Protein backbone atom coordinates (compact mmCIF):
# COMPACT_ATOMS: atom_id res chain seq x y z
CA UNK A 1 -0.20 -0.28 -0.04
CA UNK A 2 1.20 3.90 -0.67
CA UNK A 3 0.66 6.56 1.33
CA UNK A 4 1.43 9.75 -0.18
CA UNK A 5 1.15 12.99 1.48
CA UNK A 6 1.22 17.00 0.99
CA UNK A 7 -0.80 16.30 -2.83
CA UNK A 8 -3.05 19.24 -2.87
CA UNK A 9 -5.89 18.80 -5.27
CA UNK A 10 -6.57 21.91 -7.06
CA UNK A 11 -10.45 20.88 -7.88
CA UNK A 12 -11.34 21.14 -4.32
CA UNK A 13 -8.58 22.46 -2.46
CA UNK A 14 -8.61 19.35 -0.62
CA UNK A 15 -4.85 17.43 1.04
CA UNK A 16 -4.91 13.43 0.03
CA UNK A 17 -4.43 11.83 3.70
CA UNK A 18 -4.15 8.33 1.75
CA UNK A 19 -3.68 6.58 -1.73
CA UNK A 20 -4.32 2.37 -2.36
CA UNK A 21 -5.16 0.70 -5.15
CA UNK A 22 -7.53 -2.05 -4.09
CA UNK A 23 -5.44 -5.95 -4.51
CA UNK A 24 -6.54 -7.68 -7.67
CA UNK A 25 -8.37 -10.63 -5.41
CA UNK A 26 -10.32 -8.32 -2.94
CA UNK A 27 -14.04 -9.43 -2.79
CA UNK A 28 -16.92 -6.96 -3.43
CA UNK A 29 -16.75 -4.92 0.62
CA UNK A 30 -18.45 -1.31 1.68
CA UNK A 31 -15.63 0.56 1.42
CA UNK A 32 -16.15 1.89 5.17
CA UNK A 33 -15.61 -1.90 6.03
CA UNK A 34 -12.51 -1.74 4.06
CA UNK A 35 -11.43 0.64 4.89
CA UNK A 36 -11.35 -0.11 8.92
CA UNK A 37 -9.04 -3.03 7.91
CA UNK A 38 -6.55 -0.42 6.02
CA UNK A 39 -6.32 2.94 8.32
CA UNK A 40 -5.12 2.61 11.88
CA UNK A 41 -6.63 4.46 14.60
CA UNK A 42 -9.67 4.89 11.96
CA UNK A 43 -13.16 4.52 13.57
CA UNK A 44 -16.39 3.48 11.48
CA UNK A 45 -17.83 6.72 12.32
CA UNK A 46 -14.89 8.60 10.96
CA UNK A 47 -14.90 6.73 7.63
CA UNK A 48 -18.80 7.12 7.24
CA UNK A 49 -18.42 10.93 8.15
CA UNK A 50 -15.34 11.58 5.68
CA UNK A 51 -17.47 9.63 2.59
CA UNK A 52 -20.66 12.23 3.23
CA UNK A 53 -18.34 15.13 3.12
CA UNK A 54 -17.71 13.62 -0.15
CA UNK A 55 -13.89 13.21 0.97
CA UNK A 56 -13.46 9.55 -0.39
CA UNK A 57 -12.58 9.70 -4.10
CA UNK A 58 -12.69 6.03 -6.15
CA UNK A 59 -11.04 6.48 -9.34
CA UNK A 60 -11.47 10.39 -9.13
CA UNK A 61 -15.48 9.97 -7.91
CA UNK A 62 -16.42 11.11 -4.41
CA UNK A 63 -18.40 7.80 -3.47
CA UNK A 64 -20.52 7.32 -0.11
CA UNK A 65 -19.96 5.26 2.19
CA UNK A 66 -21.73 2.01 0.38
CA UNK A 67 -20.07 1.87 -2.28
CA UNK A 68 -18.42 -1.67 -2.85
CA UNK A 69 -14.93 -1.68 -3.51
CA UNK A 70 -13.39 -3.66 -6.29
CA UNK A 71 -10.19 -5.08 -7.67
CA UNK A 72 -7.44 -2.39 -8.53
CA UNK A 73 -10.27 0.65 -7.47
CA UNK A 74 -7.56 3.77 -7.00
CA UNK A 75 -9.35 4.72 -3.12
CA UNK A 76 -7.59 8.91 -2.07
CA UNK A 77 -9.12 10.07 0.99
CA UNK A 78 -8.85 14.15 1.22
CA UNK A 79 -9.02 16.18 3.82
CA UNK A 80 -9.47 20.07 3.96
CA UNK A 81 -6.00 20.20 6.00
CA UNK A 82 -2.67 18.97 5.49
CA UNK A 83 -1.95 15.75 7.33
CA UNK A 84 -1.22 15.71 10.92
CA UNK A 85 2.51 13.76 10.86
CA UNK A 86 3.52 16.80 8.59
CA UNK A 87 3.08 19.34 11.48
CA UNK A 88 6.27 17.98 13.76
CA UNK A 89 5.68 19.50 17.12
CA UNK A 90 8.58 19.36 19.79
CA UNK A 91 7.81 18.48 23.02
CA UNK A 92 9.80 18.08 26.66
CA UNK A 93 9.85 14.59 26.55
CA UNK A 94 12.78 12.97 28.42
CA UNK A 95 15.29 10.81 26.65
CA UNK A 96 17.34 8.09 27.68
CA UNK A 97 20.86 8.97 25.63
CA UNK A 98 23.31 5.52 26.11
CA UNK A 99 25.68 7.22 23.85
CA UNK A 100 26.04 10.73 22.47
CA UNK A 101 28.90 13.01 19.96
CA UNK A 102 28.52 15.36 17.62
CA UNK A 103 26.95 12.76 14.36
CA UNK A 104 25.04 11.05 16.01
CA UNK A 105 23.27 9.49 19.39
CA UNK A 106 21.91 5.94 20.55
CA UNK A 107 18.94 5.99 22.67
CA UNK A 108 17.05 3.30 24.38
CA UNK A 109 13.75 3.62 23.26
CA UNK A 110 10.96 2.54 26.22
CA UNK A 111 8.34 0.40 25.44
CA UNK A 112 4.94 2.65 24.30
CA UNK A 113 6.68 5.25 22.47
CA UNK A 114 5.94 5.44 18.86
CA UNK A 115 9.29 6.30 17.19
CA UNK A 116 7.55 8.67 14.46
CA UNK A 117 4.16 10.54 14.22
CA UNK A 118 1.55 8.92 12.34
CA UNK A 119 -2.25 8.28 11.80
CA UNK A 120 -3.82 8.52 15.72
CA UNK A 121 0.11 8.83 16.78
CA UNK A 122 0.84 12.66 16.50
CA UNK A 123 2.81 13.74 19.79
CA UNK A 124 4.59 11.51 22.30
CA UNK A 125 7.02 10.44 19.70
CA UNK A 126 10.39 10.11 19.69
CA UNK A 127 10.41 12.84 17.20
CA UNK A 128 8.80 14.74 19.17
CA UNK A 129 11.17 14.40 21.82
CA UNK A 130 14.16 14.62 19.70
CA UNK A 131 13.06 18.03 17.68
CA UNK A 132 13.16 19.75 21.65
CA UNK A 133 16.64 18.30 22.60
CA UNK A 134 18.43 19.06 19.65
CA UNK A 135 18.48 21.13 16.67
CA UNK A 136 19.32 20.98 13.27
CA UNK A 137 17.95 17.34 13.16
CA UNK A 138 18.66 16.11 9.25
CA UNK A 139 15.94 14.57 7.88
CA UNK A 140 15.38 11.56 6.05
CA UNK A 141 14.18 10.10 2.61
CA UNK A 142 10.87 10.39 4.37
CA UNK A 143 11.14 13.49 6.03
CA UNK A 144 11.66 12.43 9.49
CA UNK A 145 14.47 14.61 11.75
CA UNK A 146 17.22 12.13 12.56
CA UNK A 147 15.64 8.94 12.58
CA UNK A 148 17.79 6.20 10.57
CA UNK A 149 15.61 2.88 11.42
CA UNK A 150 12.96 2.32 14.02
CA UNK A 151 11.47 -0.07 16.03
CA UNK A 152 7.97 -0.95 16.77
CA UNK A 153 6.08 0.92 19.59
CA UNK A 154 5.52 -1.80 21.98
CA UNK A 155 9.57 -3.08 21.30
CA UNK A 156 11.79 -1.68 23.53
CA UNK A 157 15.80 -1.26 22.65
CA UNK A 158 18.30 0.66 20.68
CA UNK A 159 18.10 3.03 17.62
CA UNK A 160 20.56 5.22 16.43
CA UNK A 161 19.57 8.89 15.75
CA UNK A 162 21.35 10.90 13.05
CA UNK A 163 22.88 14.66 13.86
CA UNK A 164 23.88 15.65 10.32
CA UNK A 165 23.37 14.94 6.95
CA UNK A 166 26.67 13.32 6.62
CA UNK A 167 25.47 10.55 9.37
CA UNK A 168 22.30 9.91 8.10
CA UNK A 169 24.11 9.49 4.82
CA UNK A 170 26.24 7.05 6.11
CA UNK A 171 24.28 5.59 9.06
CA UNK A 172 21.36 4.94 6.30
CA UNK A 173 23.92 3.36 3.67
CA UNK A 174 24.97 0.88 6.23
CA UNK A 175 21.02 -0.31 7.26
CA UNK A 176 20.50 -0.66 3.18
CA UNK A 177 23.38 -2.68 2.58
CA UNK A 178 22.52 -5.05 5.81
CA UNK A 179 26.00 -4.12 7.08
CA UNK A 180 25.01 -2.73 10.71
CA UNK A 181 24.30 -5.63 13.63
CA UNK A 182 21.23 -6.05 15.19
CA UNK A 183 20.07 -8.00 17.75
CA UNK A 184 16.97 -8.92 19.56
CA UNK A 185 15.64 -11.21 22.71
CA UNK A 186 12.46 -12.34 22.41
CA UNK A 187 9.88 -14.84 24.30
CA UNK A 188 8.24 -16.63 22.46
CA UNK A 189 5.49 -19.41 22.36
CA UNK A 190 6.26 -23.13 22.75
CA UNK A 191 9.70 -24.48 22.68
CA UNK A 192 11.71 -24.51 19.76
CA UNK A 193 12.91 -27.39 18.82
CA UNK A 194 16.61 -26.65 17.41
CA UNK A 195 19.21 -24.17 19.23
CA UNK A 196 19.27 -22.41 16.39
CA UNK A 197 18.40 -21.53 13.00
CA UNK A 198 17.24 -19.18 10.27
CA UNK A 199 13.85 -18.32 9.16
CA UNK A 200 13.74 -16.84 5.41
CA UNK A 201 10.61 -15.83 3.96
CA UNK A 202 9.21 -12.91 2.02
CA UNK A 203 7.48 -10.29 4.26
CA UNK A 204 4.41 -8.08 2.89
CA UNK A 205 1.28 -6.56 4.08
CA UNK A 206 -1.21 -9.22 4.75
CA UNK A 207 -3.82 -9.60 2.30
CA UNK A 208 -7.16 -9.43 4.70
CA UNK A 209 -5.70 -7.19 7.88
CA UNK A 210 -3.63 -4.41 6.74
CA UNK A 211 -2.13 -3.88 10.22
CA UNK A 212 -0.40 -7.09 9.99
CA UNK A 213 2.26 -8.53 7.57
CA UNK A 214 2.56 -11.78 6.36
CA UNK A 215 5.16 -14.25 4.74
CA UNK A 216 5.26 -14.91 1.28
CA UNK A 217 6.57 -17.99 -0.58
CA UNK A 218 7.06 -19.76 -3.92
CA UNK A 219 4.58 -18.35 -6.43
CA UNK A 220 3.19 -15.57 -3.95
CA UNK A 221 6.87 -14.34 -3.05
CA UNK A 222 6.96 -11.26 -4.99
CA UNK A 223 4.04 -9.93 -3.19
CA UNK A 224 6.81 -9.57 0.13
CA UNK A 225 10.38 -8.28 0.64
CA UNK A 226 12.92 -10.67 1.19
CA UNK A 227 13.42 -11.14 5.13
CA UNK A 228 16.00 -13.48 7.31
CA UNK A 229 15.99 -13.98 10.87
CA UNK A 230 18.47 -16.07 12.38
CA UNK A 231 17.95 -16.98 16.00
CA UNK A 232 19.31 -19.09 18.60
CA UNK A 233 17.74 -20.60 21.79
CA UNK A 234 19.05 -18.16 25.07
CA UNK A 235 16.75 -20.34 27.94
CA UNK A 236 13.49 -23.04 27.35
CA UNK A 237 11.11 -22.23 29.72
CA UNK A 238 8.59 -24.93 29.53
CA UNK A 239 6.00 -23.72 27.36
CA UNK A 240 7.58 -20.57 26.33
CA UNK A 241 11.26 -19.74 24.71
CA UNK A 242 14.24 -17.11 25.29
CA UNK A 243 15.48 -16.27 22.14
CA UNK A 244 17.98 -14.16 20.54
CA UNK A 245 17.57 -13.07 17.15
CA UNK A 246 20.04 -11.16 14.68
CA UNK A 247 18.76 -9.50 11.91
CA UNK A 248 20.13 -9.65 8.13
CA UNK A 249 17.37 -7.57 6.52
CA UNK A 250 14.82 -4.76 8.43
CA UNK A 251 11.14 -4.94 7.46
CA UNK A 252 8.37 -4.11 9.64
CA UNK A 253 7.56 -6.58 12.53
CA UNK A 254 10.16 -8.70 10.90
CA UNK A 255 10.96 -10.81 14.13
CA UNK A 256 6.90 -11.14 15.50
CA UNK A 257 6.03 -12.43 11.61
CA UNK A 258 8.93 -14.65 11.00
CA UNK A 259 8.07 -16.48 14.65
CA UNK A 260 5.09 -17.12 13.98
CA UNK A 261 5.69 -17.68 10.76
CA UNK A 262 7.47 -21.16 12.52
CA UNK A 263 4.80 -21.34 14.93
CA UNK A 264 6.48 -19.36 17.60
CA UNK A 265 4.04 -16.45 17.84
CA UNK A 266 5.71 -13.76 20.45
CA UNK A 267 4.36 -13.76 24.00
CA UNK A 268 1.86 -11.25 24.55
CA UNK A 269 1.61 -9.79 21.03
CA UNK A 270 -1.65 -8.92 20.94
CA UNK A 271 -1.18 -7.95 16.78
CA UNK A 272 -0.25 -11.18 16.11
CA UNK A 273 -2.51 -13.54 17.96
CA UNK A 274 0.27 -14.07 20.97
CA UNK A 275 -2.66 -12.71 24.17
CA UNK A 276 -3.84 -15.87 23.89
CA UNK A 277 -2.35 -18.93 25.69
CA UNK A 278 -1.31 -20.47 22.64
CA UNK A 279 0.62 -23.87 24.34
CA UNK A 280 0.55 -25.42 28.03
CA UNK A 281 -2.23 -26.83 30.13
CA UNK A 282 -5.89 -26.46 30.42
CA UNK A 283 -5.75 -26.05 34.68
CA UNK A 284 -7.52 -22.74 35.63
CA UNK A 285 -3.95 -22.37 38.10
CA UNK A 286 -1.97 -22.11 34.70
CA UNK A 287 -4.91 -19.76 32.51
CA UNK A 288 -4.32 -17.29 35.50
CA UNK A 289 -0.54 -17.37 35.75
CA UNK A 290 -0.59 -16.82 32.41
CA UNK A 291 -2.93 -14.09 32.61
CA UNK A 292 -0.89 -12.74 35.76
CA UNK A 293 2.11 -12.70 33.49
CA UNK A 294 0.22 -10.86 30.82
CA UNK A 295 -0.65 -7.97 32.91
CA UNK A 296 3.38 -7.74 34.13
CA UNK A 297 3.64 -7.26 30.72
CA UNK A 298 1.17 -5.38 29.04
CA UNK A 299 3.22 -5.62 25.02
CA UNK A 300 5.02 -8.43 22.95
CA UNK A 301 8.09 -9.56 24.59
CA UNK A 302 11.07 -8.21 21.80
CA UNK A 303 13.66 -6.26 23.40
CA UNK A 304 16.50 -4.81 21.03
CA UNK A 305 19.37 -5.68 22.93
CA UNK A 306 22.42 -4.78 20.61
CA UNK A 307 23.08 -2.04 17.92
CA UNK A 308 26.59 -2.06 15.73
CA UNK A 309 27.57 -0.06 13.32
CA UNK A 310 30.71 2.06 11.66
CA UNK A 311 30.95 5.38 12.98
CA UNK A 312 30.53 7.50 9.99
CA UNK A 313 33.34 10.18 11.04
CA UNK A 314 35.73 8.11 11.80
CA UNK A 315 34.95 4.93 10.50
CA UNK A 316 35.25 2.84 13.91
CA UNK A 317 33.09 -0.32 14.58
CA UNK A 318 30.18 1.33 17.62
CA UNK A 319 28.67 -1.54 19.57
CA UNK A 320 26.12 -0.95 21.74
CA UNK A 321 24.10 -3.15 24.53
CA UNK A 322 21.45 -2.59 26.86
CA UNK A 323 19.79 -4.45 29.36
CA UNK A 324 15.73 -6.32 29.09
CA UNK A 325 13.28 -3.69 30.74
CA UNK A 326 11.95 -4.41 33.77
CA UNK A 327 8.36 -5.71 32.28
CA UNK A 328 9.92 -8.18 30.08
CA UNK A 329 12.29 -9.42 32.66
CA UNK A 330 10.10 -9.74 35.37
CA UNK A 331 7.92 -11.16 33.16
CA UNK A 332 10.57 -13.95 32.41
CA UNK A 333 11.22 -14.65 36.14
CA UNK A 334 8.20 -15.72 36.40
CA UNK A 335 8.45 -18.22 33.56
CA UNK A 336 11.35 -19.65 35.37
CA UNK A 337 9.52 -19.92 38.75
CA UNK A 338 6.85 -21.58 37.16
CA UNK A 339 8.79 -24.33 34.63
CA UNK A 340 11.22 -25.65 37.57
CA UNK A 341 8.13 -26.37 39.92
CA UNK A 342 6.17 -28.37 36.79
CA UNK A 343 8.90 -30.01 35.34
C-alpha cells in the first residue's frame, strides 16, 4: 500500500491523506469496512463522516460509505487540512541517551513510545522528543528528522539517530547494505526444537488484515520483500522459549512475523495472536498464571538489545547493548519459577 502526502487537489483544495490501489483478489466489500482494515486508528464513524463530506474518492469520483470496492479501484481519502504528521511539534519528553557525539546519538526507547508521528499518534513520539532536545536534525528520505531506522511502538531498545546530513547518509547506507548489526531478545510461545536456525520468507502486508504483515513464499513471493532472521535459543522455559534474534534485513514486524510463521508467536503480541494461551495446560491455575504474566508485560515480549555500526566520521566500529526493561525481565522470572516447579 502506498501512502502519499502533501498532495493538494486543485479542484477542491483538499489534501490527500491516504491513497490505495485495491488488490486484485479483493471480494466486493463496503468501502467503510474496507478502510477500517487499512487505516490504523480509524473508526467507522470517522470514515462514514468523511464519505458524507465527499472526501472519499474512488477512481477520482466521490463515493458514499456503502460503495462496494472492486479489484484495482484507486481510493483516495482527502481532507481540508494537510496530514498532521507533517506538523512536527517539539515536546519536552525525556530521552534515555546512552551515547552521544557530534555526529549521532544512541537512545534506549521505552516500550509504548511511538518512534515517529503517524495516523492517530501525533504527539509523544520519539521524534517530538528529539526535536525538543536537538537543533537542526537532518531529514531522512521520508522527512523524519534524525531517523535512520525504527522499532515498533511496543518494542523496547536501541536506536541510532543521525545529527547531521553526512551521518544520516552514511548510517542509512549501512542499514540498506545490511552491514549494521542488530540483535533482539524475544520470549515466544512453545518450545523451539532446534537450538539455532534461520527463517527466510518474504514479508509483505497481510492481504486481509492490513495492520499485520505476513510471509509470502514460492509463487506468492513477489508480494513481499526478502527477509532473513537468525535465531538461537537462550533459555527453555517449558511452554515458552527465550530466544536471541539477529536481523539480516529490517522489515516491519520482521521478528514478530517470522516467529509466528514457524509456529512460535511472540508472547503477548496482541496484533499477531500471542495474547492468548497458545501452549500449555487447561488448568485454571495455569490460566491465572499466564494472565498474570500478560498483566506484568502488557505488550509483545521483544527488546532490541544490541546495535552495532561503523561510525560515520572516524570509521570505527561501535557496539552498544542495553538491559531488558523491568516488565520483560519480571515476566521471564515468573516463567523461570513456573517451569522449575512443573518439570
